[in-house]
């Protein structure tokens, strides 16, 4: 978790920090994943692709529940205050990156509900 502390001061180094985590084959905790995803917002619209790549990383070991926690953070970031040109697409996350196991997690369902129950969106 020491590696991700750097992101508080230098969020734009998220790709470099992520590479270090993968190279050292570190187990990713929920807190680490949340910090990584939040740092991705410093990259604007490009950060969305980085965030999705992190969530989908198969070469890393995520602590139990970390992926689901990360998905909740990612969905929250999709509804955050970004400009039109930087907005992240919650539909892409829900339709292509939330798997059946994730859908069994109550926090992921709650996060999906928060996105679509905001009054203007519907997954149906």
N, C-alpha and C. Protein backbone atom coordinates (compact mmCIF):
# COMPACT_ATOMS: atom_id res chain seq x y z
N UNK A 1 0.82 -1.20 0.00
CA UNK A 1 0.00 0.00 0.00
C UNK A 1 0.85 1.26 0.00
N UNK A 2 2.15 1.10 0.25
CA UNK A 2 3.03 2.25 0.23
C UNK A 2 3.16 2.84 -1.17
N UNK A 3 3.11 1.99 -2.18
CA UNK A 3 3.23 2.48 -3.55
C UNK A 3 2.10 3.44 -3.91
N UNK A 4 0.88 3.14 -3.49
CA UNK A 4 -0.25 3.97 -3.89
C UNK A 4 -0.34 5.27 -3.09
N UNK A 5 0.37 5.36 -1.97
CA UNK A 5 0.38 6.61 -1.21
C UNK A 5 0.93 7.75 -2.07
N UNK A 6 1.82 7.42 -2.95
CA UNK A 6 2.41 8.41 -3.88
C UNK A 6 1.33 9.10 -4.71
N UNK A 7 0.24 8.40 -4.97
CA UNK A 7 -0.81 8.94 -5.83
C UNK A 7 -1.52 10.15 -5.22
N UNK A 8 -1.45 10.28 -3.91
CA UNK A 8 -2.06 11.44 -3.26
C UNK A 8 -1.40 12.74 -3.72
N UNK A 9 -0.10 12.70 -3.93
CA UNK A 9 0.65 13.88 -4.36
C UNK A 9 0.81 13.93 -5.89
N UNK A 10 0.89 12.76 -6.51
CA UNK A 10 1.15 12.68 -7.95
C UNK A 10 0.18 11.71 -8.62
N UNK A 11 -1.10 12.07 -8.70
CA UNK A 11 -2.07 11.13 -9.28
C UNK A 11 -1.80 10.79 -10.74
N UNK A 12 -1.11 11.68 -11.43
CA UNK A 12 -0.83 11.43 -12.85
C UNK A 12 0.16 10.29 -13.06
N UNK A 13 0.77 9.78 -11.98
CA UNK A 13 1.71 8.66 -12.09
C UNK A 13 1.01 7.31 -11.92
N UNK A 14 -0.29 7.29 -12.04
CA UNK A 14 -1.05 6.07 -11.79
C UNK A 14 -0.59 4.90 -12.67
N UNK A 15 -0.30 5.14 -13.93
CA UNK A 15 0.14 4.05 -14.81
C UNK A 15 1.48 3.48 -14.34
N UNK A 16 2.36 4.35 -13.92
CA UNK A 16 3.67 3.92 -13.43
C UNK A 16 3.53 3.11 -12.13
N UNK A 17 2.70 3.59 -11.23
CA UNK A 17 2.45 2.88 -9.97
C UNK A 17 1.82 1.52 -10.25
N UNK A 18 0.86 1.49 -11.16
CA UNK A 18 0.19 0.23 -11.51
C UNK A 18 1.19 -0.77 -12.09
N UNK A 19 2.09 -0.28 -12.95
CA UNK A 19 3.13 -1.15 -13.51
C UNK A 19 4.02 -1.73 -12.41
N UNK A 20 4.37 -0.91 -11.43
CA UNK A 20 5.19 -1.39 -10.31
C UNK A 20 4.47 -2.47 -9.51
N UNK A 21 3.19 -2.28 -9.29
CA UNK A 21 2.39 -3.27 -8.55
C UNK A 21 2.38 -4.60 -9.30
N UNK A 22 2.19 -4.53 -10.61
CA UNK A 22 2.17 -5.76 -11.42
C UNK A 22 3.54 -6.41 -11.48
N UNK A 23 4.57 -5.62 -11.66
CA UNK A 23 5.93 -6.17 -11.73
C UNK A 23 6.33 -6.88 -10.44
N UNK A 24 5.89 -6.33 -9.31
CA UNK A 24 6.24 -6.92 -8.01
C UNK A 24 5.23 -7.99 -7.60
N UNK A 25 4.23 -8.22 -8.45
CA UNK A 25 3.20 -9.23 -8.21
C UNK A 25 2.57 -9.07 -6.81
N UNK A 26 2.22 -7.83 -6.49
CA UNK A 26 1.64 -7.53 -5.19
C UNK A 26 0.14 -7.83 -5.18
N UNK A 27 -0.34 -8.27 -4.03
CA UNK A 27 -1.78 -8.46 -3.86
C UNK A 27 -2.43 -7.09 -3.74
N UNK A 28 -3.50 -6.89 -4.46
CA UNK A 28 -4.18 -5.60 -4.49
C UNK A 28 -5.35 -5.62 -3.50
N UNK A 29 -5.31 -4.69 -2.56
CA UNK A 29 -6.39 -4.58 -1.58
C UNK A 29 -7.47 -3.64 -2.11
N UNK A 30 -8.61 -3.64 -1.45
CA UNK A 30 -9.70 -2.74 -1.84
C UNK A 30 -9.26 -1.29 -1.74
N UNK A 31 -8.54 -0.95 -0.67
CA UNK A 31 -8.08 0.43 -0.48
C UNK A 31 -7.11 0.84 -1.59
N UNK A 32 -6.21 -0.05 -1.96
CA UNK A 32 -5.27 0.24 -3.04
C UNK A 32 -6.01 0.48 -4.35
N UNK A 33 -6.96 -0.39 -4.62
CA UNK A 33 -7.70 -0.30 -5.87
C UNK A 33 -8.49 1.01 -5.94
N UNK A 34 -9.10 1.39 -4.84
CA UNK A 34 -9.85 2.65 -4.80
C UNK A 34 -8.92 3.83 -5.08
N UNK A 35 -7.74 3.84 -4.46
CA UNK A 35 -6.79 4.93 -4.69
C UNK A 35 -6.33 4.96 -6.15
N UNK A 36 -6.08 3.79 -6.71
CA UNK A 36 -5.67 3.73 -8.12
C UNK A 36 -6.75 4.30 -9.03
N UNK A 37 -7.99 3.90 -8.79
CA UNK A 37 -9.09 4.35 -9.65
C UNK A 37 -9.32 5.85 -9.51
N UNK A 38 -9.25 6.35 -8.30
CA UNK A 38 -9.41 7.80 -8.10
C UNK A 38 -8.29 8.57 -8.80
N UNK A 39 -7.09 8.03 -8.78
CA UNK A 39 -5.98 8.69 -9.46
C UNK A 39 -6.19 8.72 -10.97
N UNK A 40 -6.90 7.75 -11.49
CA UNK A 40 -7.18 7.71 -12.94
C UNK A 40 -7.98 8.93 -13.39
N UNK A 41 -8.74 9.54 -12.50
CA UNK A 41 -9.52 10.72 -12.89
C UNK A 41 -8.62 11.88 -13.29
N UNK A 42 -7.38 11.89 -12.83
CA UNK A 42 -6.45 12.97 -13.19
C UNK A 42 -6.07 12.90 -14.67
N UNK A 43 -6.37 11.77 -15.31
CA UNK A 43 -6.04 11.58 -16.73
C UNK A 43 -7.19 11.96 -17.65
N UNK A 44 -8.28 12.48 -17.09
CA UNK A 44 -9.44 12.86 -17.91
C UNK A 44 -10.11 11.65 -18.52
N UNK A 45 -10.55 11.79 -19.76
CA UNK A 45 -11.26 10.69 -20.42
C UNK A 45 -10.35 9.49 -20.65
N UNK A 46 -9.06 9.70 -20.81
CA UNK A 46 -8.12 8.58 -20.97
C UNK A 46 -8.04 7.75 -19.69
N UNK A 47 -8.32 8.37 -18.57
CA UNK A 47 -8.28 7.68 -17.29
C UNK A 47 -9.29 6.56 -17.20
N UNK A 48 -10.41 6.69 -17.90
CA UNK A 48 -11.44 5.65 -17.90
C UNK A 48 -10.86 4.34 -18.42
N UNK A 49 -10.13 4.41 -19.50
CA UNK A 49 -9.54 3.20 -20.08
C UNK A 49 -8.49 2.59 -19.15
N UNK A 50 -7.73 3.45 -18.51
CA UNK A 50 -6.75 2.96 -17.53
C UNK A 50 -7.46 2.29 -16.36
N UNK A 51 -8.52 2.91 -15.88
CA UNK A 51 -9.28 2.35 -14.75
C UNK A 51 -9.87 0.99 -15.11
N UNK A 52 -10.44 0.87 -16.30
CA UNK A 52 -11.02 -0.40 -16.74
C UNK A 52 -9.92 -1.46 -16.88
N UNK A 53 -8.77 -1.08 -17.41
CA UNK A 53 -7.66 -2.02 -17.54
C UNK A 53 -7.23 -2.54 -16.16
N UNK A 54 -7.23 -1.66 -15.17
CA UNK A 54 -6.85 -2.06 -13.81
C UNK A 54 -7.88 -3.05 -13.26
N UNK A 55 -9.16 -2.73 -13.39
CA UNK A 55 -10.23 -3.61 -12.88
C UNK A 55 -10.18 -4.98 -13.54
N UNK A 56 -9.83 -5.01 -14.81
CA UNK A 56 -9.85 -6.25 -15.58
C UNK A 56 -8.53 -7.02 -15.56
N UNK A 57 -7.54 -6.53 -14.84
CA UNK A 57 -6.22 -7.16 -14.84
C UNK A 57 -6.30 -8.61 -14.35
N UNK A 58 -5.91 -9.52 -15.21
CA UNK A 58 -5.94 -10.94 -14.86
C UNK A 58 -4.61 -11.39 -14.26
N UNK A 59 -3.56 -10.61 -14.50
CA UNK A 59 -2.25 -11.01 -14.02
C UNK A 59 -2.01 -10.62 -12.57
N UNK A 60 -2.99 -9.97 -11.95
CA UNK A 60 -2.85 -9.54 -10.55
C UNK A 60 -3.76 -10.34 -9.65
N UNK A 61 -3.37 -10.38 -8.39
CA UNK A 61 -4.19 -11.03 -7.38
C UNK A 61 -4.91 -9.95 -6.59
N UNK A 62 -6.22 -10.00 -6.64
CA UNK A 62 -7.03 -9.06 -5.86
C UNK A 62 -7.45 -9.75 -4.57
N UNK A 63 -7.32 -9.05 -3.47
CA UNK A 63 -7.81 -9.56 -2.20
C UNK A 63 -9.31 -9.82 -2.32
N UNK A 64 -9.81 -10.74 -1.52
CA UNK A 64 -11.23 -11.07 -1.55
C UNK A 64 -12.08 -9.81 -1.41
N UNK A 65 -12.96 -9.59 -2.35
CA UNK A 65 -13.86 -8.44 -2.32
C UNK A 65 -13.28 -7.16 -2.89
N UNK A 66 -11.99 -7.15 -3.22
CA UNK A 66 -11.36 -5.92 -3.72
C UNK A 66 -11.91 -5.53 -5.09
N UNK A 67 -12.10 -6.50 -5.97
CA UNK A 67 -12.63 -6.18 -7.30
C UNK A 67 -14.02 -5.56 -7.19
N UNK A 68 -14.87 -6.15 -6.36
CA UNK A 68 -16.21 -5.63 -6.20
C UNK A 68 -16.19 -4.22 -5.60
N UNK A 69 -15.33 -4.01 -4.63
CA UNK A 69 -15.17 -2.68 -4.05
C UNK A 69 -14.69 -1.69 -5.11
N UNK A 70 -13.77 -2.14 -5.94
CA UNK A 70 -13.27 -1.30 -7.02
C UNK A 70 -14.35 -0.96 -8.03
N UNK A 71 -15.20 -1.93 -8.35
CA UNK A 71 -16.30 -1.65 -9.27
C UNK A 71 -17.24 -0.60 -8.69
N UNK A 72 -17.48 -0.68 -7.39
CA UNK A 72 -18.34 0.33 -6.74
C UNK A 72 -17.71 1.71 -6.86
N UNK A 73 -16.41 1.78 -6.63
CA UNK A 73 -15.70 3.06 -6.77
C UNK A 73 -15.75 3.56 -8.21
N UNK A 74 -15.53 2.65 -9.14
CA UNK A 74 -15.55 3.02 -10.55
C UNK A 74 -16.92 3.55 -10.97
N UNK A 75 -17.98 2.89 -10.54
CA UNK A 75 -19.32 3.36 -10.86
C UNK A 75 -19.60 4.72 -10.23
N UNK A 76 -19.12 4.92 -9.03
CA UNK A 76 -19.29 6.22 -8.37
C UNK A 76 -18.53 7.30 -9.16
N UNK A 77 -17.35 6.98 -9.63
CA UNK A 77 -16.57 7.94 -10.41
C UNK A 77 -17.26 8.27 -11.74
N UNK A 78 -17.99 7.31 -12.29
CA UNK A 78 -18.70 7.54 -13.54
C UNK A 78 -19.81 8.60 -13.37
N UNK A 79 -20.30 8.75 -12.18
CA UNK A 79 -21.38 9.71 -11.94
C UNK A 79 -20.84 11.00 -11.31
N UNK A 80 -19.52 11.08 -11.17
CA UNK A 80 -18.90 12.24 -10.53
C UNK A 80 -18.89 13.47 -11.42
N UNK A 81 -18.44 14.59 -10.85
CA UNK A 81 -18.43 15.87 -11.57
C UNK A 81 -17.26 15.98 -12.55
N UNK A 82 -17.50 15.56 -13.77
CA UNK A 82 -16.49 15.71 -14.82
C UNK A 82 -17.14 16.48 -15.97
N UNK A 83 -16.32 17.07 -16.79
CA UNK A 83 -16.83 17.76 -17.96
C UNK A 83 -17.39 16.78 -18.98
N UNK A 84 -18.20 17.28 -19.89
CA UNK A 84 -18.80 16.44 -20.93
C UNK A 84 -17.74 15.60 -21.65
N UNK A 85 -16.62 16.22 -21.99
CA UNK A 85 -15.60 15.53 -22.76
C UNK A 85 -14.79 14.55 -21.93
N UNK A 86 -14.95 14.60 -20.59
CA UNK A 86 -14.21 13.71 -19.71
C UNK A 86 -15.09 12.64 -19.06
N UNK A 87 -16.39 12.72 -19.26
CA UNK A 87 -17.32 11.84 -18.57
C UNK A 87 -16.99 10.37 -18.84
N UNK A 88 -17.06 9.59 -17.77
CA UNK A 88 -16.83 8.16 -17.87
C UNK A 88 -18.16 7.46 -18.07
N UNK A 89 -18.18 6.36 -18.80
CA UNK A 89 -19.42 5.71 -19.21
C UNK A 89 -19.78 4.54 -18.29
N UNK A 90 -20.74 4.77 -17.42
CA UNK A 90 -21.21 3.73 -16.49
C UNK A 90 -21.83 2.56 -17.25
N UNK A 91 -22.47 2.84 -18.38
CA UNK A 91 -23.08 1.76 -19.16
C UNK A 91 -22.02 0.76 -19.62
N UNK A 92 -20.87 1.23 -20.02
CA UNK A 92 -19.78 0.34 -20.44
C UNK A 92 -19.35 -0.53 -19.27
N UNK A 93 -19.22 0.07 -18.09
CA UNK A 93 -18.82 -0.69 -16.91
C UNK A 93 -19.85 -1.77 -16.61
N UNK A 94 -21.11 -1.40 -16.55
CA UNK A 94 -22.17 -2.35 -16.19
C UNK A 94 -22.32 -3.44 -17.24
N UNK A 95 -22.34 -3.06 -18.50
CA UNK A 95 -22.61 -4.03 -19.56
C UNK A 95 -21.44 -4.92 -19.92
N UNK A 96 -20.20 -4.45 -19.73
CA UNK A 96 -19.06 -5.21 -20.20
C UNK A 96 -18.06 -5.63 -19.12
N UNK A 97 -18.15 -5.04 -17.93
CA UNK A 97 -17.13 -5.33 -16.93
C UNK A 97 -17.67 -5.86 -15.61
N UNK A 98 -18.96 -5.83 -15.41
CA UNK A 98 -19.57 -6.42 -14.21
C UNK A 98 -20.00 -7.83 -14.60
N UNK A 99 -19.35 -8.83 -13.98
CA UNK A 99 -19.67 -10.21 -14.33
C UNK A 99 -20.71 -10.80 -13.37
N UNK A 100 -21.07 -12.05 -13.58
CA UNK A 100 -22.11 -12.68 -12.76
C UNK A 100 -21.72 -12.73 -11.29
N UNK A 101 -20.47 -13.02 -11.00
CA UNK A 101 -20.01 -13.06 -9.60
C UNK A 101 -20.15 -11.67 -8.96
N UNK A 102 -19.80 -10.64 -9.73
CA UNK A 102 -19.92 -9.26 -9.22
C UNK A 102 -21.38 -8.93 -8.91
N UNK A 103 -22.29 -9.41 -9.76
CA UNK A 103 -23.71 -9.10 -9.59
C UNK A 103 -24.32 -9.77 -8.35
N UNK A 104 -23.60 -10.72 -7.77
CA UNK A 104 -24.07 -11.35 -6.54
C UNK A 104 -23.66 -10.56 -5.30
N UNK A 105 -22.81 -9.57 -5.48
CA UNK A 105 -22.32 -8.77 -4.36
C UNK A 105 -23.30 -7.61 -4.11
N UNK A 106 -23.86 -7.50 -2.91
CA UNK A 106 -24.88 -6.48 -2.65
C UNK A 106 -24.38 -5.04 -2.85
N UNK A 107 -23.12 -4.78 -2.59
CA UNK A 107 -22.60 -3.42 -2.79
C UNK A 107 -22.52 -3.05 -4.26
N UNK A 108 -22.22 -4.02 -5.10
CA UNK A 108 -22.17 -3.76 -6.54
C UNK A 108 -23.59 -3.47 -7.04
N UNK A 109 -24.55 -4.25 -6.59
CA UNK A 109 -25.94 -4.00 -6.99
C UNK A 109 -26.39 -2.62 -6.52
N UNK A 110 -26.01 -2.25 -5.31
CA UNK A 110 -26.36 -0.92 -4.79
C UNK A 110 -25.71 0.18 -5.63
N UNK A 111 -24.46 -0.03 -6.03
CA UNK A 111 -23.76 0.98 -6.84
C UNK A 111 -24.41 1.11 -8.22
N UNK A 112 -24.80 -0.01 -8.80
CA UNK A 112 -25.51 0.03 -10.09
C UNK A 112 -26.83 0.77 -9.92
N UNK A 113 -27.54 0.46 -8.85
CA UNK A 113 -28.81 1.14 -8.58
C UNK A 113 -28.62 2.63 -8.41
N UNK A 114 -27.55 3.04 -7.75
CA UNK A 114 -27.29 4.46 -7.55
C UNK A 114 -27.06 5.18 -8.87
N UNK A 115 -26.42 4.49 -9.82
CA UNK A 115 -26.18 5.10 -11.13
C UNK A 115 -27.50 5.26 -11.88
N UNK A 116 -28.29 4.20 -11.92
CA UNK A 116 -29.49 4.22 -12.76
C UNK A 116 -30.71 4.80 -12.08
N UNK A 117 -30.68 4.95 -10.80
CA UNK A 117 -31.82 5.53 -10.09
C UNK A 117 -31.63 7.02 -9.84
N UNK A 118 -30.65 7.59 -10.50
CA UNK A 118 -30.39 9.02 -10.33
C UNK A 118 -31.48 9.85 -11.01
N UNK A 119 -32.41 9.19 -11.69
CA UNK A 119 -33.54 9.89 -12.26
C UNK A 119 -33.52 10.04 -13.76
N UNK A 120 -32.36 9.91 -14.38
CA UNK A 120 -32.30 10.15 -15.82
C UNK A 120 -31.79 8.96 -16.61
N UNK A 121 -31.43 7.90 -15.93
CA UNK A 121 -30.84 6.76 -16.63
C UNK A 121 -31.61 5.49 -16.32
N UNK A 122 -31.54 4.55 -17.23
CA UNK A 122 -32.13 3.24 -16.99
C UNK A 122 -31.36 2.20 -17.76
N UNK A 123 -31.06 1.06 -17.12
CA UNK A 123 -30.36 0.01 -17.85
C UNK A 123 -31.30 -0.79 -18.75
N UNK A 124 -32.59 -0.47 -18.73
CA UNK A 124 -33.57 -1.26 -19.48
C UNK A 124 -34.12 -0.49 -20.64
